[in-house]
């Protein structure tokens, strides 16, 4: 026997402020969440995957978009416990990204293909008094929005598997634009309107294009029925897209037993409602 350690698969629950990142996935000559994580992994284990990339993500987030429940997975030969991996990675990571939890999973686990649903939250702050303190976490608009009309419009969106090409950005030929929307809601709390959407998957820019059109409903420029009818439009016809800073990936859902996060994470999720 040569004593070589077997490859293990570790899932990571990530939280990051996307303001200073060019997105989640690696890009040449740009700062990304993946680049930061892979640099921390190399510092911790000395490992670097062939081709230079050792992490896969549950979903792609754009430049400026945040996450409190992004899921990534890495393959490693380190024998450290998942908790030690979490703490060691956090030691080497920059302040705008953190591993909230880590768990060992099946070596075949794919965070993107195995995901059953993804939930996004978008925050709009409306009214004349903008806040410099929250400008990186919300879309601040000067006029008051009719959140009840916005909620009525979202309630009209179809909840079955169908073509959402109108709400997505341009995609390559052969890319499926069929998705199933599970949940869509609009709620107001003071001067903030929060929109949540959950689906089995989203097209590029789909959530932000949805919010861009929904803001027109709240402004009285589009009727809820007209908003719902946009789903039958031409590909990439809905928009313009809302700015990225109001958007957060809050959860990625898997079949029960796929990932067993640690107890501390379960307590935190219960407190924040992100389960």
Protein backbone atom coordinates (compact mmCIF):
# COMPACT_ATOMS: atom_id res chain seq x y z
CA UNK A 1 0.00 0.00 0.00
CA UNK A 2 1.32 3.48 -0.85
CA UNK A 3 -0.52 5.15 2.04
CA UNK A 4 -2.27 7.67 -0.18
CA UNK A 5 -5.34 9.18 1.47
CA UNK A 6 -8.76 8.76 -0.17
CA UNK A 7 -10.53 11.74 -1.66
CA UNK A 8 -13.34 13.16 0.48
CA UNK A 9 -16.13 15.58 -0.44
CA UNK A 10 -16.82 18.51 1.89
CA UNK A 11 -19.85 20.79 1.53
CA UNK A 12 -19.51 24.43 2.61
CA UNK A 13 -22.30 26.82 3.61
CA UNK A 14 -21.14 30.28 2.57
CA UNK A 15 -22.03 33.84 3.44
CA UNK A 16 -20.53 36.78 1.60
CA UNK A 17 -20.89 40.47 0.88
CA UNK A 18 -20.76 40.61 -2.91
CA UNK A 19 -19.95 44.32 -3.14
CA UNK A 20 -16.24 43.92 -3.90
CA UNK A 21 -16.54 40.63 -5.81
CA UNK A 22 -16.96 40.27 -9.57
CA UNK A 23 -19.30 37.34 -8.87
CA UNK A 24 -19.09 33.89 -7.32
CA UNK A 25 -17.41 31.90 -10.10
CA UNK A 26 -13.77 32.27 -11.09
CA UNK A 27 -12.94 34.83 -13.77
CA UNK A 28 -9.56 35.79 -15.19
CA UNK A 29 -8.13 39.01 -13.77
CA UNK A 30 -11.08 39.55 -11.42
CA UNK A 31 -11.71 39.08 -7.71
CA UNK A 32 -14.32 36.36 -7.12
CA UNK A 33 -15.62 34.31 -4.22
CA UNK A 34 -14.20 31.17 -5.80
CA UNK A 35 -10.75 32.72 -6.13
CA UNK A 36 -10.79 33.73 -2.44
CA UNK A 37 -11.91 30.27 -1.30
CA UNK A 38 -9.41 28.40 -3.44
CA UNK A 39 -6.60 30.62 -2.19
CA UNK A 40 -7.64 29.88 1.41
CA UNK A 41 -7.86 26.15 0.65
CA UNK A 42 -4.37 26.11 -0.79
CA UNK A 43 -3.03 27.93 2.28
CA UNK A 44 -4.73 25.38 4.54
CA UNK A 45 -3.99 22.09 2.75
CA UNK A 46 -1.44 22.90 0.06
CA UNK A 47 -3.80 21.25 -2.41
CA UNK A 48 -4.62 22.71 -5.80
CA UNK A 49 -6.79 20.86 -8.28
CA UNK A 50 -5.54 20.14 -11.77
CA UNK A 51 -6.45 23.10 -13.95
CA UNK A 52 -6.46 25.36 -10.90
CA UNK A 53 -10.09 24.99 -9.77
CA UNK A 54 -11.18 22.81 -6.86
CA UNK A 55 -14.61 24.18 -5.92
CA UNK A 56 -18.10 23.89 -7.40
CA UNK A 57 -21.08 26.07 -6.45
CA UNK A 58 -24.82 25.52 -6.17
CA UNK A 59 -25.51 28.64 -8.17
CA UNK A 60 -23.82 31.56 -9.85
CA UNK A 61 -24.20 35.00 -8.31
CA UNK A 62 -23.39 38.14 -10.28
CA UNK A 63 -21.09 41.01 -9.40
CA UNK A 64 -22.47 42.85 -6.37
CA UNK A 65 -24.92 40.10 -5.36
CA UNK A 66 -24.72 38.76 -1.81
CA UNK A 67 -25.29 35.34 -0.21
CA UNK A 68 -26.21 34.07 3.22
CA UNK A 69 -26.89 30.49 2.12
CA UNK A 70 -24.68 29.71 -0.88
CA UNK A 71 -23.45 26.10 -1.02
CA UNK A 72 -20.14 24.97 -2.46
CA UNK A 73 -18.31 21.66 -2.40
CA UNK A 74 -14.65 20.72 -2.53
CA UNK A 75 -12.81 17.46 -3.01
CA UNK A 76 -9.84 17.02 -0.70
CA UNK A 77 -7.50 14.41 0.74
CA UNK A 78 -7.13 16.19 4.06
CA UNK A 79 -8.19 14.11 7.05
CA UNK A 80 -9.24 17.08 9.17
CA UNK A 81 -12.82 17.18 10.44
CA UNK A 82 -15.35 19.38 8.63
CA UNK A 83 -15.38 21.74 11.63
CA UNK A 84 -11.59 22.11 11.43
CA UNK A 85 -11.86 22.74 7.69
CA UNK A 86 -14.42 25.47 8.36
CA UNK A 87 -12.30 27.18 11.01
CA UNK A 88 -9.07 26.90 9.00
CA UNK A 89 -10.63 28.31 5.83
CA UNK A 90 -12.12 31.21 7.80
CA UNK A 91 -8.67 31.95 9.19
CA UNK A 92 -7.34 32.53 5.67
CA UNK A 93 -10.45 34.09 4.08
CA UNK A 94 -10.93 37.87 3.67
CA UNK A 95 -13.46 39.66 5.85
CA UNK A 96 -16.22 39.76 3.20
CA UNK A 97 -16.67 35.97 2.94
CA UNK A 98 -17.07 33.30 5.62
CA UNK A 99 -17.79 29.56 5.83
CA UNK A 100 -20.80 29.29 8.14
CA UNK A 101 -20.71 25.50 8.29
CA UNK A 102 -19.03 22.48 6.72
CA UNK A 103 -20.20 18.87 6.41
CA UNK A 104 -18.89 15.69 4.85
CA UNK A 105 -21.07 14.49 1.98
CA UNK A 106 -21.07 11.67 -0.55
CA UNK A 107 -18.14 11.82 -2.95
CA UNK A 108 -20.68 12.05 -5.80
CA UNK A 109 -22.36 15.17 -4.33
CA UNK A 110 -22.83 17.97 -6.85
CA UNK A 111 -24.09 21.19 -5.22
CA UNK A 112 -25.69 22.43 -8.44
CA UNK A 113 -27.22 19.30 -9.94
CA UNK A 114 -28.37 17.87 -6.59
CA UNK A 115 -30.14 21.07 -5.50
CA UNK A 116 -33.93 20.85 -5.45
CA UNK A 117 -34.61 24.57 -4.99
CA UNK A 118 -32.93 27.93 -4.53
CA UNK A 119 -34.37 30.90 -2.67
CA UNK A 120 -33.48 34.56 -3.31
CA UNK A 121 -34.44 37.65 -1.36
CA UNK A 122 -34.50 41.18 -2.78
CA UNK A 123 -34.74 44.30 -0.65
CA UNK A 124 -36.05 47.66 -1.86
CA UNK A 125 -36.01 50.73 0.36
CA UNK A 126 -38.54 53.28 -0.86
CA UNK A 127 -39.18 56.84 0.26
CA UNK A 128 -37.25 60.08 0.03
CA UNK A 129 -34.80 59.54 2.88
CA UNK A 130 -32.09 57.25 1.51
CA UNK A 131 -29.68 55.63 3.95
CA UNK A 132 -25.94 55.59 3.22
CA UNK A 133 -25.61 52.71 5.72
CA UNK A 134 -27.77 50.30 3.71
CA UNK A 135 -26.99 51.40 0.16
CA UNK A 136 -24.91 48.24 -0.44
CA UNK A 137 -27.72 45.90 0.66
CA UNK A 138 -30.79 47.46 -0.95
CA UNK A 139 -32.12 49.21 -4.02
CA UNK A 140 -33.03 52.67 -2.78
CA UNK A 141 -35.76 54.43 -4.70
CA UNK A 142 -37.06 57.92 -3.96
CA UNK A 143 -40.76 57.24 -4.51
CA UNK A 144 -43.10 55.11 -2.41
CA UNK A 145 -44.12 51.78 -3.92
CA UNK A 146 -47.53 50.10 -3.80
CA UNK A 147 -46.45 46.82 -2.23
CA UNK A 148 -49.98 45.41 -2.33
CA UNK A 149 -50.11 45.77 -6.12
CA UNK A 150 -46.65 44.18 -6.29
CA UNK A 151 -47.84 41.24 -4.17
CA UNK A 152 -50.91 40.82 -6.38
CA UNK A 153 -48.71 40.77 -9.47
CA UNK A 154 -46.37 38.11 -8.05
CA UNK A 155 -49.36 35.98 -7.06
CA UNK A 156 -50.38 35.83 -10.72
CA UNK A 157 -47.11 34.27 -11.90
CA UNK A 158 -47.54 30.60 -12.93
CA UNK A 159 -46.45 27.95 -10.44
CA UNK A 160 -45.88 25.14 -12.92
CA UNK A 161 -42.89 24.10 -15.00
CA UNK A 162 -42.84 26.36 -18.02
CA UNK A 163 -40.63 28.49 -20.26
CA UNK A 164 -39.29 31.58 -18.46
CA UNK A 165 -37.10 32.85 -21.31
CA UNK A 166 -38.84 36.25 -21.30
CA UNK A 167 -37.68 36.90 -17.72
CA UNK A 168 -34.13 35.63 -18.22
CA UNK A 169 -31.10 37.17 -19.83
CA UNK A 170 -29.71 35.99 -23.17
CA UNK A 171 -28.58 32.35 -23.08
CA UNK A 172 -26.61 30.13 -25.40
CA UNK A 173 -28.30 27.92 -27.99
CA UNK A 174 -29.60 24.70 -26.50
CA UNK A 175 -29.76 26.10 -22.94
CA UNK A 176 -33.06 25.03 -21.37
CA UNK A 177 -35.23 27.89 -20.16
CA UNK A 178 -37.80 25.62 -18.49
CA UNK A 179 -38.11 26.26 -14.73
CA UNK A 180 -40.68 25.76 -11.97
CA UNK A 181 -41.49 28.64 -9.63
CA UNK A 182 -42.38 27.34 -6.15
CA UNK A 183 -42.85 30.54 -4.18
CA UNK A 184 -43.06 34.29 -4.74
CA UNK A 185 -44.01 36.86 -2.13
CA UNK A 186 -43.87 40.59 -1.40
CA UNK A 187 -43.94 42.03 2.13
CA UNK A 188 -43.47 45.48 3.60
CA UNK A 189 -41.76 46.35 6.87
CA UNK A 190 -41.56 50.09 7.45
CA UNK A 191 -39.70 51.69 4.53
CA UNK A 192 -38.51 48.36 3.11
CA UNK A 193 -40.22 46.09 0.60
CA UNK A 194 -38.88 42.54 0.57
CA UNK A 195 -39.45 40.17 -2.34
CA UNK A 196 -38.71 36.45 -2.03
CA UNK A 197 -38.63 33.92 -4.85
CA UNK A 198 -37.94 30.20 -4.74
CA UNK A 199 -37.70 27.88 -7.75
CA UNK A 200 -36.02 24.69 -8.84
CA UNK A 201 -33.61 26.99 -10.66
CA UNK A 202 -33.36 30.47 -12.15
CA UNK A 203 -32.19 31.73 -15.51
CA UNK A 204 -29.35 34.26 -15.66
CA UNK A 205 -30.62 37.62 -14.31
CA UNK A 206 -34.15 36.21 -13.91
CA UNK A 207 -34.71 37.46 -10.37
CA UNK A 208 -33.32 40.93 -11.06
CA UNK A 209 -35.34 41.28 -14.29
CA UNK A 210 -38.43 40.20 -12.37
CA UNK A 211 -37.78 42.85 -9.72
CA UNK A 212 -37.13 45.49 -12.37
CA UNK A 213 -40.55 44.89 -13.89
CA UNK A 214 -42.19 44.52 -10.47
CA UNK A 215 -40.94 47.97 -9.46
CA UNK A 216 -42.93 49.34 -12.40
CA UNK A 217 -46.03 47.74 -10.90
CA UNK A 218 -45.31 49.37 -7.54
CA UNK A 219 -44.84 52.70 -9.31
CA UNK A 220 -48.23 52.44 -11.04
CA UNK A 221 -46.74 52.14 -14.52
CA UNK A 222 -47.74 48.49 -15.03
CA UNK A 223 -50.87 46.63 -13.98
CA UNK A 224 -50.49 43.29 -12.15
CA UNK A 225 -52.21 41.48 -15.04
CA UNK A 226 -49.83 43.12 -17.53
CA UNK A 227 -46.88 42.04 -15.40
CA UNK A 228 -48.09 38.43 -15.36
CA UNK A 229 -48.56 38.54 -19.13
CA UNK A 230 -44.88 39.34 -19.63
CA UNK A 231 -44.08 35.65 -19.16
CA UNK A 232 -45.32 35.00 -22.71
CA UNK A 233 -43.05 37.63 -24.23
CA UNK A 234 -39.97 37.23 -26.37
CA UNK A 235 -36.75 35.91 -24.79
CA UNK A 236 -34.98 38.47 -22.58
CA UNK A 237 -37.78 41.00 -23.13
CA UNK A 238 -38.57 41.68 -19.44
CA UNK A 239 -36.64 44.34 -17.59
CA UNK A 240 -34.55 46.32 -17.21
CA UNK A 241 -32.85 44.36 -14.46
CA UNK A 242 -32.86 45.77 -10.95
CA UNK A 243 -29.42 46.66 -9.53
CA UNK A 244 -27.48 43.79 -7.93
CA UNK A 245 -26.92 45.08 -4.40
CA UNK A 246 -30.47 44.36 -3.24
CA UNK A 247 -30.23 40.65 -4.07
CA UNK A 248 -29.17 37.86 -1.70
CA UNK A 249 -29.09 34.09 -2.22
CA UNK A 250 -30.52 32.97 1.12
CA UNK A 251 -30.95 29.21 0.76
CA UNK A 252 -30.25 26.18 -1.41
CA UNK A 253 -32.42 23.18 -0.62
CA UNK A 254 -31.56 19.49 -0.97
CA UNK A 255 -33.31 16.21 -0.25
CA UNK A 256 -33.36 15.37 3.49
CA UNK A 257 -30.14 13.71 4.62
CA UNK A 258 -28.05 15.02 1.72
CA UNK A 259 -26.17 17.47 3.97
CA UNK A 260 -26.14 17.42 7.76
CA UNK A 261 -25.01 20.86 8.83
CA UNK A 262 -23.85 21.35 12.42
CA UNK A 263 -26.17 22.29 15.28
CA UNK A 264 -24.94 25.88 15.54
CA UNK A 265 -26.02 26.52 11.97
CA UNK A 266 -29.46 25.04 12.58
CA UNK A 267 -29.94 27.37 15.56
CA UNK A 268 -28.83 30.40 13.55
CA UNK A 269 -31.12 29.54 10.63
CA UNK A 270 -34.06 29.10 12.99
CA UNK A 271 -33.42 32.55 14.43
CA UNK A 272 -33.17 34.24 11.04
CA UNK A 273 -35.89 32.31 9.26
CA UNK A 274 -33.56 31.10 6.54
CA UNK A 275 -34.29 27.40 6.91
